[in-house]
């Protein structure tokens, strides 16, 4: 991606070097979120759910603050992430204004290992995530190394896609979709709740594509190979791909992010059209997903 001269977002909280914290009870919603994020990173959702449940009942620990020097690579990733966040602010502010609304930017929290959120304790093992309770997206930058080494998803645009996906959840929150669907999920059996979760995730993928479309039109940011990087990333974080890699088989009723094919489809649709009205993941049938 071409980011030379691009501004960095001021909506950033740098908690790197801090660890521990007083653990807050997650509740059933937080447990479901932890299980969903485990799928995103190829973890075991059952184990993640158990750990989340233990957190909600566990003992408190004190915050520990430590100072350390960050490597040049870490600092470059931090700068890159804040530039991508700024790009999402520019694009979504324009789109919201075109639709008679005002965009309220989320805050990006950079942290190391673990940190407290309004949704409970966040862990690097959970991967990047968005918390609607405080309207912040949380990223341990080491996740990008995990993407490269464990998932084979490398490249700056692949990393940008991950950030833009989480910002997509913030857009869902601002439009009222996120809370409405979470309320519906809480009343449904797990398998049915998973189906709604898939539609939320695919919509966030679509919004990531919409951002990329407009960012490129405005800044000429995409370079040769960038789109392939993002498509590859969408493929290797599909539920079917991750489950087959981890277990050797897939369990469709447990999918909560969408298959590789679905994730690539909706990201590409947003990228090609840039039209938010095409984000119909909640209007189309299961077969059309």
C-alpha atoms as a PDB file:
ATOM      1  CA  UNK A   1       0.000   0.000   0.000  1.00  0.00           C
ATOM      2  CA  UNK A   2       1.092   3.558  -0.726  1.00  0.00           C
ATOM      3  CA  UNK A   3       0.875   5.451   2.551  1.00  0.00           C
ATOM      4  CA  UNK A   4       3.681   7.978   2.178  1.00  0.00           C
ATOM      5  CA  UNK A   5       2.589  11.325   3.544  1.00  0.00           C
ATOM      6  CA  UNK A   6      -0.681   9.962   4.917  1.00  0.00           C
ATOM      7  CA  UNK A   7      -1.755  11.271   8.290  1.00  0.00           C
ATOM      8  CA  UNK A   8      -1.975   9.176  11.464  1.00  0.00           C
ATOM      9  CA  UNK A   9      -5.176   9.017  13.478  1.00  0.00           C
ATOM     10  CA  UNK A  10      -5.343  10.824  16.803  1.00  0.00           C
ATOM     11  CA  UNK A  11      -7.940   8.323  18.051  1.00  0.00           C
ATOM     12  CA  UNK A  12      -5.302   5.973  19.422  1.00  0.00           C
ATOM     13  CA  UNK A  13      -4.583   4.708  22.918  1.00  0.00           C
ATOM     14  CA  UNK A  14      -1.152   3.144  23.282  1.00  0.00           C
ATOM     15  CA  UNK A  15      -1.165   0.685  26.190  1.00  0.00           C
ATOM     16  CA  UNK A  16       1.815  -1.322  25.005  1.00  0.00           C
ATOM     17  CA  UNK A  17       4.074  -2.311  27.863  1.00  0.00           C
ATOM     18  CA  UNK A  18       1.142  -2.618  30.257  1.00  0.00           C
ATOM     19  CA  UNK A  19      -0.129  -6.028  31.341  1.00  0.00           C
ATOM     20  CA  UNK A  20      -2.396  -7.724  33.838  1.00  0.00           C
ATOM     21  CA  UNK A  21      -5.331  -5.799  35.232  1.00  0.00           C
ATOM     22  CA  UNK A  22      -8.355  -6.419  37.364  1.00  0.00           C
ATOM     23  CA  UNK A  23     -10.391  -9.041  35.581  1.00  0.00           C
ATOM     24  CA  UNK A  24     -13.991  -8.198  34.954  1.00  0.00           C
ATOM     25  CA  UNK A  25     -16.806 -10.690  34.578  1.00  0.00           C
ATOM     26  CA  UNK A  26     -17.505 -11.331  30.901  1.00  0.00           C
ATOM     27  CA  UNK A  27     -21.058 -12.634  31.080  1.00  0.00           C
ATOM     28  CA  UNK A  28     -22.540 -14.944  28.476  1.00  0.00           C
ATOM     29  CA  UNK A  29     -22.159 -12.329  25.729  1.00  0.00           C
ATOM     30  CA  UNK A  30     -18.450 -12.007  26.404  1.00  0.00           C
ATOM     31  CA  UNK A  31     -18.053 -15.772  26.446  1.00  0.00           C
ATOM     32  CA  UNK A  32     -19.737 -16.047  23.037  1.00  0.00           C
ATOM     33  CA  UNK A  33     -17.494 -13.272  21.706  1.00  0.00           C
ATOM     34  CA  UNK A  34     -14.395 -15.045  23.043  1.00  0.00           C
ATOM     35  CA  UNK A  35     -15.444 -18.247  21.302  1.00  0.00           C
ATOM     36  CA  UNK A  36     -16.087 -16.396  18.067  1.00  0.00           C
ATOM     37  CA  UNK A  37     -12.699 -14.691  18.149  1.00  0.00           C
ATOM     38  CA  UNK A  38     -11.047 -18.064  18.788  1.00  0.00           C
ATOM     39  CA  UNK A  39     -12.379 -19.233  15.451  1.00  0.00           C
ATOM     40  CA  UNK A  40     -10.979 -16.147  13.771  1.00  0.00           C
ATOM     41  CA  UNK A  41      -7.477 -16.994  14.982  1.00  0.00           C
ATOM     42  CA  UNK A  42      -7.760 -20.757  14.539  1.00  0.00           C
ATOM     43  CA  UNK A  43      -8.107 -21.491  18.247  1.00  0.00           C
ATOM     44  CA  UNK A  44     -10.349 -23.951  20.012  1.00  0.00           C
ATOM     45  CA  UNK A  45     -13.698 -22.211  20.675  1.00  0.00           C
ATOM     46  CA  UNK A  46     -14.661 -24.630  23.431  1.00  0.00           C
ATOM     47  CA  UNK A  47     -11.433 -23.957  25.286  1.00  0.00           C
ATOM     48  CA  UNK A  48     -11.816 -20.223  24.713  1.00  0.00           C
ATOM     49  CA  UNK A  49     -15.336 -20.342  26.123  1.00  0.00           C
ATOM     50  CA  UNK A  50     -14.142 -22.226  29.203  1.00  0.00           C
ATOM     51  CA  UNK A  51     -11.323 -19.746  29.762  1.00  0.00           C
ATOM     52  CA  UNK A  52     -13.743 -16.842  29.385  1.00  0.00           C
ATOM     53  CA  UNK A  53     -16.111 -18.405  31.893  1.00  0.00           C
ATOM     54  CA  UNK A  54     -13.244 -18.887  34.331  1.00  0.00           C
ATOM     55  CA  UNK A  55     -12.298 -15.219  33.870  1.00  0.00           C
ATOM     56  CA  UNK A  56     -15.758 -14.121  34.852  1.00  0.00           C
ATOM     57  CA  UNK A  57     -15.450 -16.032  38.125  1.00  0.00           C
ATOM     58  CA  UNK A  58     -11.709 -15.790  38.676  1.00  0.00           C
ATOM     59  CA  UNK A  59      -9.593 -13.886  41.145  1.00  0.00           C
ATOM     60  CA  UNK A  60      -8.441 -10.322  40.567  1.00  0.00           C
ATOM     61  CA  UNK A  61      -4.928  -9.448  39.527  1.00  0.00           C
ATOM     62  CA  UNK A  62      -3.209  -6.105  39.781  1.00  0.00           C
ATOM     63  CA  UNK A  63      -2.161  -3.973  36.862  1.00  0.00           C
ATOM     64  CA  UNK A  64       1.531  -4.161  36.095  1.00  0.00           C
ATOM     65  CA  UNK A  65       3.162  -1.452  34.073  1.00  0.00           C
ATOM     66  CA  UNK A  66       6.500  -1.969  32.450  1.00  0.00           C
ATOM     67  CA  UNK A  67       8.711   0.164  30.229  1.00  0.00           C
ATOM     68  CA  UNK A  68      10.505  -1.345  27.278  1.00  0.00           C
ATOM     69  CA  UNK A  69      11.966  -0.235  24.011  1.00  0.00           C
ATOM     70  CA  UNK A  70       9.990  -1.123  20.914  1.00  0.00           C
ATOM     71  CA  UNK A  71      11.746  -2.450  17.861  1.00  0.00           C
ATOM     72  CA  UNK A  72      11.763  -0.510  14.619  1.00  0.00           C
ATOM     73  CA  UNK A  73       9.392  -3.132  13.165  1.00  0.00           C
ATOM     74  CA  UNK A  74       6.935  -2.689  16.048  1.00  0.00           C
ATOM     75  CA  UNK A  75       6.986   1.069  15.665  1.00  0.00           C
ATOM     76  CA  UNK A  76       6.468   0.782  11.923  1.00  0.00           C
ATOM     77  CA  UNK A  77       3.451  -1.495  12.472  1.00  0.00           C
ATOM     78  CA  UNK A  78       2.044   0.975  14.993  1.00  0.00           C
ATOM     79  CA  UNK A  79       2.428   3.847  12.530  1.00  0.00           C
ATOM     80  CA  UNK A  80       0.916   1.763   9.741  1.00  0.00           C
ATOM     81  CA  UNK A  81      -2.086   0.835  11.901  1.00  0.00           C
ATOM     82  CA  UNK A  82      -2.759   4.443  12.850  1.00  0.00           C
ATOM     83  CA  UNK A  83      -2.513   5.500   9.195  1.00  0.00           C
ATOM     84  CA  UNK A  84      -5.023   2.831   8.184  1.00  0.00           C
ATOM     85  CA  UNK A  85      -7.336   3.932  10.994  1.00  0.00           C
ATOM     86  CA  UNK A  86      -7.070   7.504   9.721  1.00  0.00           C
ATOM     87  CA  UNK A  87      -7.990   6.258   6.262  1.00  0.00           C
ATOM     88  CA  UNK A  88     -11.116   4.587   7.624  1.00  0.00           C
ATOM     89  CA  UNK A  89     -12.041   7.852   9.360  1.00  0.00           C
ATOM     90  CA  UNK A  90     -11.748   9.790   6.106  1.00  0.00           C
ATOM     91  CA  UNK A  91     -13.774   7.281   4.095  1.00  0.00           C
ATOM     92  CA  UNK A  92     -16.539   6.612   6.593  1.00  0.00           C
ATOM     93  CA  UNK A  93     -16.905  10.305   7.437  1.00  0.00           C
ATOM     94  CA  UNK A  94     -17.511  10.925   3.727  1.00  0.00           C
ATOM     95  CA  UNK A  95     -19.980   8.039   3.374  1.00  0.00           C
ATOM     96  CA  UNK A  96     -21.946   9.003   6.488  1.00  0.00           C
ATOM     97  CA  UNK A  97     -22.068  12.647   5.381  1.00  0.00           C
ATOM     98  CA  UNK A  98     -23.352  11.575   1.955  1.00  0.00           C
ATOM     99  CA  UNK A  99     -26.151   9.770   3.771  1.00  0.00           C
ATOM    100  CA  UNK A 100     -27.053  12.665   6.041  1.00  0.00           C
ATOM    101  CA  UNK A 101     -25.309  11.349   9.143  1.00  0.00           C
ATOM    102  CA  UNK A 102     -22.196  12.087  11.181  1.00  0.00           C
ATOM    103  CA  UNK A 103     -19.486   9.480  11.638  1.00  0.00           C
ATOM    104  CA  UNK A 104     -18.107   9.053  15.146  1.00  0.00           C
ATOM    105  CA  UNK A 105     -14.680   7.467  14.913  1.00  0.00           C
ATOM    106  CA  UNK A 106     -13.715   4.573  17.189  1.00  0.00           C
ATOM    107  CA  UNK A 107     -10.539   4.524  19.259  1.00  0.00           C
ATOM    108  CA  UNK A 108      -7.817   2.019  18.454  1.00  0.00           C
ATOM    109  CA  UNK A 109      -6.116   0.531  21.506  1.00  0.00           C
ATOM    110  CA  UNK A 110      -2.648  -0.902  20.979  1.00  0.00           C
ATOM    111  CA  UNK A 111      -1.741  -3.263  23.794  1.00  0.00           C
ATOM    112  CA  UNK A 112       0.632  -6.046  24.788  1.00  0.00           C
ATOM    113  CA  UNK A 113      -0.550  -9.482  25.935  1.00  0.00           C
ATOM    114  CA  UNK A 114      -3.719  -8.421  27.817  1.00  0.00           C
ATOM    115  CA  UNK A 115      -5.786  -5.356  28.616  1.00  0.00           C
ATOM    116  CA  UNK A 116      -9.084  -4.355  30.166  1.00  0.00           C
ATOM    117  CA  UNK A 117     -12.082  -3.464  28.013  1.00  0.00           C
ATOM    118  CA  UNK A 118     -15.746  -2.715  28.594  1.00  0.00           C
ATOM    119  CA  UNK A 119     -16.373  -6.227  27.266  1.00  0.00           C
ATOM    120  CA  UNK A 120     -14.068  -7.923  29.796  1.00  0.00           C
ATOM    121  CA  UNK A 121     -10.385  -8.723  29.626  1.00  0.00           C
ATOM    122  CA  UNK A 122      -8.875  -8.720  26.168  1.00  0.00           C
ATOM    123  CA  UNK A 123      -6.073 -11.119  25.354  1.00  0.00           C
ATOM    124  CA  UNK A 124      -3.568 -11.277  22.523  1.00  0.00           C
ATOM    125  CA  UNK A 125      -4.700 -14.877  21.989  1.00  0.00           C
ATOM    126  CA  UNK A 126      -8.116 -13.546  20.986  1.00  0.00           C
ATOM    127  CA  UNK A 127      -6.738 -11.600  18.036  1.00  0.00           C
ATOM    128  CA  UNK A 128      -7.998  -8.112  17.076  1.00  0.00           C
ATOM    129  CA  UNK A 129     -11.559  -7.383  18.212  1.00  0.00           C
ATOM    130  CA  UNK A 130     -14.100  -4.601  18.561  1.00  0.00           C
ATOM    131  CA  UNK A 131     -15.926  -3.812  21.795  1.00  0.00           C
ATOM    132  CA  UNK A 132     -19.159  -1.883  21.360  1.00  0.00           C
ATOM    133  CA  UNK A 133     -19.267  -1.229  25.117  1.00  0.00           C
ATOM    134  CA  UNK A 134     -16.511   1.374  24.782  1.00  0.00           C
ATOM    135  CA  UNK A 135     -16.479   1.775  20.978  1.00  0.00           C
ATOM    136  CA  UNK A 136     -12.846   0.748  20.769  1.00  0.00           C
ATOM    137  CA  UNK A 137     -10.991  -1.761  18.641  1.00  0.00           C
ATOM    138  CA  UNK A 138      -8.170  -3.638  20.303  1.00  0.00           C
ATOM    139  CA  UNK A 139      -5.007  -4.886  18.616  1.00  0.00           C
ATOM    140  CA  UNK A 140      -1.888  -6.565  19.910  1.00  0.00           C
ATOM    141  CA  UNK A 141       0.440  -5.908  16.979  1.00  0.00           C
ATOM    142  CA  UNK A 142       2.033  -9.342  17.423  1.00  0.00           C
ATOM    143  CA  UNK A 143      -1.110 -10.688  15.736  1.00  0.00           C
ATOM    144  CA  UNK A 144       0.288  -9.604  12.386  1.00  0.00           C
ATOM    145  CA  UNK A 145       3.279 -11.868  12.992  1.00  0.00           C
ATOM    146  CA  UNK A 146       0.844 -14.669  13.830  1.00  0.00           C
ATOM    147  CA  UNK A 147      -1.018 -14.012  10.587  1.00  0.00           C
ATOM    148  CA  UNK A 148       2.224 -14.370   8.658  1.00  0.00           C
ATOM    149  CA  UNK A 149       3.687 -17.402  10.418  1.00  0.00           C
ATOM    150  CA  UNK A 150       0.605 -19.438  11.346  1.00  0.00           C
ATOM    151  CA  UNK A 151      -1.965 -18.466   8.732  1.00  0.00           C
ATOM    152  CA  UNK A 152       0.275 -17.626   5.806  1.00  0.00           C
ATOM    153  CA  UNK A 153      -1.529 -14.286   5.416  1.00  0.00           C
ATOM    154  CA  UNK A 154       1.141 -11.653   4.890  1.00  0.00           C
ATOM    155  CA  UNK A 155       1.346  -8.189   3.366  1.00  0.00           C
ATOM    156  CA  UNK A 156       0.365  -4.701   4.401  1.00  0.00           C
ATOM    157  CA  UNK A 157      -3.028  -4.798   2.705  1.00  0.00           C
ATOM    158  CA  UNK A 158      -3.873  -8.053   4.472  1.00  0.00           C
ATOM    159  CA  UNK A 159      -3.130  -6.286   7.758  1.00  0.00           C
ATOM    160  CA  UNK A 160      -5.188  -3.287   6.648  1.00  0.00           C
ATOM    161  CA  UNK A 161      -8.105  -5.608   5.861  1.00  0.00           C
ATOM    162  CA  UNK A 162      -8.063  -6.898   9.446  1.00  0.00           C
ATOM    163  CA  UNK A 163      -8.218  -3.365  10.854  1.00  0.00           C
ATOM    164  CA  UNK A 164     -10.902  -2.307   8.376  1.00  0.00           C
ATOM    165  CA  UNK A 165     -12.968  -5.389   9.295  1.00  0.00           C
ATOM    166  CA  UNK A 166     -13.005  -4.369  12.961  1.00  0.00           C
ATOM    167  CA  UNK A 167     -13.907  -0.806  11.973  1.00  0.00           C
ATOM    168  CA  UNK A 168     -16.720  -2.438   9.977  1.00  0.00           C
ATOM    169  CA  UNK A 169     -18.146  -3.718  13.263  1.00  0.00           C
ATOM    170  CA  UNK A 170     -18.048  -0.145  14.555  1.00  0.00           C
ATOM    171  CA  UNK A 171     -20.050   0.953  11.516  1.00  0.00           C
ATOM    172  CA  UNK A 172     -22.529  -1.815  12.357  1.00  0.00           C
ATOM    173  CA  UNK A 173     -22.730  -0.397  15.877  1.00  0.00           C
ATOM    174  CA  UNK A 174     -23.322   3.155  14.686  1.00  0.00           C
ATOM    175  CA  UNK A 175     -26.091   2.040  12.324  1.00  0.00           C
ATOM    176  CA  UNK A 176     -27.781   0.011  15.089  1.00  0.00           C
ATOM    177  CA  UNK A 177     -27.235  -3.338  13.410  1.00  0.00           C
ATOM    178  CA  UNK A 178     -24.728  -4.734  15.899  1.00  0.00           C
ATOM    179  CA  UNK A 179     -26.779  -4.275  19.067  1.00  0.00           C
ATOM    180  CA  UNK A 180     -30.001  -5.416  17.401  1.00  0.00           C
ATOM    181  CA  UNK A 181     -28.418  -8.643  16.173  1.00  0.00           C
ATOM    182  CA  UNK A 182     -26.625  -9.321  19.467  1.00  0.00           C
ATOM    183  CA  UNK A 183     -29.967  -9.024  21.259  1.00  0.00           C
ATOM    184  CA  UNK A 184     -31.486 -11.529  18.838  1.00  0.00           C
ATOM    185  CA  UNK A 185     -28.531 -13.883  19.267  1.00  0.00           C
ATOM    186  CA  UNK A 186     -28.945 -13.883  23.037  1.00  0.00           C
ATOM    187  CA  UNK A 187     -32.456 -15.329  22.669  1.00  0.00           C
ATOM    188  CA  UNK A 188     -31.572 -18.089  20.222  1.00  0.00           C
ATOM    189  CA  UNK A 189     -30.039 -21.566  20.472  1.00  0.00           C
ATOM    190  CA  UNK A 190     -26.317 -21.567  19.705  1.00  0.00           C
ATOM    191  CA  UNK A 191     -26.608 -22.931  16.178  1.00  0.00           C
ATOM    192  CA  UNK A 192     -29.143 -20.253  15.212  1.00  0.00           C
ATOM    193  CA  UNK A 193     -27.131 -17.532  16.929  1.00  0.00           C
ATOM    194  CA  UNK A 194     -24.094 -18.639  14.928  1.00  0.00           C
ATOM    195  CA  UNK A 195     -25.998 -18.020  11.692  1.00  0.00           C
ATOM    196  CA  UNK A 196     -26.634 -14.418  12.696  1.00  0.00           C
ATOM    197  CA  UNK A 197     -23.014 -14.042  13.733  1.00  0.00           C
ATOM    198  CA  UNK A 198     -21.939 -15.142  10.253  1.00  0.00           C
ATOM    199  CA  UNK A 199     -24.080 -12.419   8.676  1.00  0.00           C
ATOM    200  CA  UNK A 200     -22.550  -9.801  10.985  1.00  0.00           C
ATOM    201  CA  UNK A 201     -19.037 -10.910  10.120  1.00  0.00           C
ATOM    202  CA  UNK A 202     -19.698 -10.997   6.386  1.00  0.00           C
ATOM    203  CA  UNK A 203     -21.172  -7.507   6.596  1.00  0.00           C
ATOM    204  CA  UNK A 204     -17.973  -6.334   8.322  1.00  0.00           C
ATOM    205  CA  UNK A 205     -15.983  -7.963   5.510  1.00  0.00           C
ATOM    206  CA  UNK A 206     -18.140  -6.104   2.991  1.00  0.00           C
ATOM    207  CA  UNK A 207     -17.562  -2.819   4.812  1.00  0.00           C
ATOM    208  CA  UNK A 208     -13.807  -3.489   4.770  1.00  0.00           C
ATOM    209  CA  UNK A 209     -14.053  -3.786   0.996  1.00  0.00           C
ATOM    210  CA  UNK A 210     -16.099  -0.586   0.767  1.00  0.00           C
ATOM    211  CA  UNK A 211     -13.375   1.237   2.691  1.00  0.00           C
ATOM    212  CA  UNK A 212     -10.662  -0.128   0.383  1.00  0.00           C
ATOM    213  CA  UNK A 213     -12.626   0.946  -2.691  1.00  0.00           C
ATOM    214  CA  UNK A 214     -12.970   4.550  -1.561  1.00  0.00           C
ATOM    215  CA  UNK A 215      -9.515   4.780   0.010  1.00  0.00           C
ATOM    216  CA  UNK A 216      -7.995   3.772  -3.308  1.00  0.00           C
ATOM    217  CA  UNK A 217     -10.168   6.217  -5.275  1.00  0.00           C
ATOM    218  CA  UNK A 218      -9.223   9.035  -2.933  1.00  0.00           C
ATOM    219  CA  UNK A 219      -5.541   8.314  -2.308  1.00  0.00           C
ATOM    220  CA  UNK A 220      -4.465   5.817  -4.985  1.00  0.00           C
ATOM    221  CA  UNK A 221      -3.312   3.591  -2.156  1.00  0.00           C
ATOM    222  CA  UNK A 222      -3.477   0.135  -3.750  1.00  0.00           C
ATOM    223  CA  UNK A 223      -0.436  -1.397  -5.398  1.00  0.00           C
ATOM    224  CA  UNK A 224       0.057  -4.544  -7.452  1.00  0.00           C
ATOM    225  CA  UNK A 225      -0.552  -7.599  -5.298  1.00  0.00           C
ATOM    226  CA  UNK A 226      -2.508  -5.782  -2.576  1.00  0.00           C
ATOM    227  CA  UNK A 227      -5.898  -7.178  -3.542  1.00  0.00           C
ATOM    228  CA  UNK A 228      -4.465 -10.686  -3.725  1.00  0.00           C
ATOM    229  CA  UNK A 229      -3.095 -10.253  -0.187  1.00  0.00           C
ATOM    230  CA  UNK A 230      -6.517  -9.359   1.193  1.00  0.00           C
ATOM    231  CA  UNK A 231      -8.296 -12.132  -0.729  1.00  0.00           C
ATOM    232  CA  UNK A 232      -5.793 -14.661   0.590  1.00  0.00           C
ATOM    233  CA  UNK A 233      -6.337 -13.350   4.111  1.00  0.00           C
ATOM    234  CA  UNK A 234     -10.117 -13.698   3.740  1.00  0.00           C
ATOM    235  CA  UNK A 235      -9.620 -17.257   2.531  1.00  0.00           C
ATOM    236  CA  UNK A 236      -7.411 -18.453   5.380  1.00  0.00           C
ATOM    237  CA  UNK A 237      -9.677 -17.026   8.095  1.00  0.00           C
ATOM    238  CA  UNK A 238     -12.801 -18.754   6.806  1.00  0.00           C
ATOM    239  CA  UNK A 239     -14.427 -21.027   9.375  1.00  0.00           C
ATOM    240  CA  UNK A 240     -14.197 -24.080   7.120  1.00  0.00           C
ATOM    241  CA  UNK A 241     -10.515 -23.494   6.370  1.00  0.00           C
ATOM    242  CA  UNK A 242      -9.578 -22.941  10.025  1.00  0.00           C
ATOM    243  CA  UNK A 243     -11.556 -25.905  11.310  1.00  0.00           C
ATOM    244  CA  UNK A 244     -10.138 -28.260   8.711  1.00  0.00           C
ATOM    245  CA  UNK A 245      -6.646 -27.045   9.500  1.00  0.00           C
ATOM    246  CA  UNK A 246      -7.148 -27.474  13.251  1.00  0.00           C
ATOM    247  CA  UNK A 247      -9.281 -30.655  13.306  1.00  0.00           C
ATOM    248  CA  UNK A 248      -9.179 -32.156   9.853  1.00  0.00           C
ATOM    249  CA  UNK A 249     -12.905 -31.561   9.304  1.00  0.00           C
ATOM    250  CA  UNK A 250     -15.465 -28.768   9.472  1.00  0.00           C
ATOM    251  CA  UNK A 251     -18.677 -28.473  11.488  1.00  0.00           C
ATOM    252  CA  UNK A 252     -20.926 -26.051   9.536  1.00  0.00           C
ATOM    253  CA  UNK A 253     -23.421 -25.499  12.367  1.00  0.00           C
ATOM    254  CA  UNK A 254     -20.586 -24.074  14.471  1.00  0.00           C
ATOM    255  CA  UNK A 255     -19.505 -21.524  11.832  1.00  0.00           C
ATOM    256  CA  UNK A 256     -19.724 -17.971  13.153  1.00  0.00           C
ATOM    257  CA  UNK A 257     -17.599 -15.956  10.721  1.00  0.00           C
ATOM    258  CA  UNK A 258     -18.437 -17.519   7.368  1.00  0.00           C
ATOM    259  CA  UNK A 259     -16.665 -19.816   4.959  1.00  0.00           C
ATOM    260  CA  UNK A 260     -13.612 -18.782   2.980  1.00  0.00           C
ATOM    261  CA  UNK A 261     -15.753 -18.471  -0.146  1.00  0.00           C
ATOM    262  CA  UNK A 262     -18.287 -16.273   1.614  1.00  0.00           C
ATOM    263  CA  UNK A 263     -15.686 -13.999   3.188  1.00  0.00           C
ATOM    264  CA  UNK A 264     -13.908 -13.498  -0.125  1.00  0.00           C
ATOM    265  CA  UNK A 265     -17.226 -12.872  -1.904  1.00  0.00           C
ATOM    266  CA  UNK A 266     -18.434 -10.110   0.393  1.00  0.00           C
ATOM    267  CA  UNK A 267     -15.068  -8.383   0.699  1.00  0.00           C
ATOM    268  CA  UNK A 268     -14.728  -8.373  -3.101  1.00  0.00           C
ATOM    269  CA  UNK A 269     -18.279  -7.036  -3.522  1.00  0.00           C
ATOM    270  CA  UNK A 270     -17.505  -4.079  -1.271  1.00  0.00           C
ATOM    271  CA  UNK A 271     -14.156  -3.517  -2.972  1.00  0.00           C
ATOM    272  CA  UNK A 272     -15.628  -3.596  -6.485  1.00  0.00           C
ATOM    273  CA  UNK A 273     -18.734  -1.484  -5.858  1.00  0.00           C
ATOM    274  CA  UNK A 274     -17.996   0.791  -2.905  1.00  0.00           C
ATOM    275  CA  UNK A 275     -21.767   0.917  -2.523  1.00  0.00           C
ATOM    276  CA  UNK A 276     -23.029   0.390   1.034  1.00  0.00           C
ATOM    277  CA  UNK A 277     -26.504  -0.428  -0.268  1.00  0.00           C
ATOM    278  CA  UNK A 278     -25.060  -3.684  -1.642  1.00  0.00           C
ATOM    279  CA  UNK A 279     -24.339  -4.903   1.896  1.00  0.00           C
ATOM    280  CA  UNK A 280     -27.370  -7.191   2.050  1.00  0.00           C
ATOM    281  CA  UNK A 281     -26.073 -10.005   4.247  1.00  0.00           C
ATOM    282  CA  UNK A 282     -29.221  -9.768   6.391  1.00  0.00           C
ATOM    283  CA  UNK A 283     -31.601  -9.571   3.465  1.00  0.00           C
ATOM    284  CA  UNK A 284     -30.381 -12.466   1.319  1.00  0.00           C
ATOM    285  CA  UNK A 285     -31.103 -16.154   1.821  1.00  0.00           C
ATOM    286  CA  UNK A 286     -28.625 -18.658   3.257  1.00  0.00           C
ATOM    287  CA  UNK A 287     -27.959 -19.947  -0.253  1.00  0.00           C
ATOM    288  CA  UNK A 288     -27.189 -16.425  -1.469  1.00  0.00           C
ATOM    289  CA  UNK A 289     -24.628 -15.787   1.259  1.00  0.00           C
END
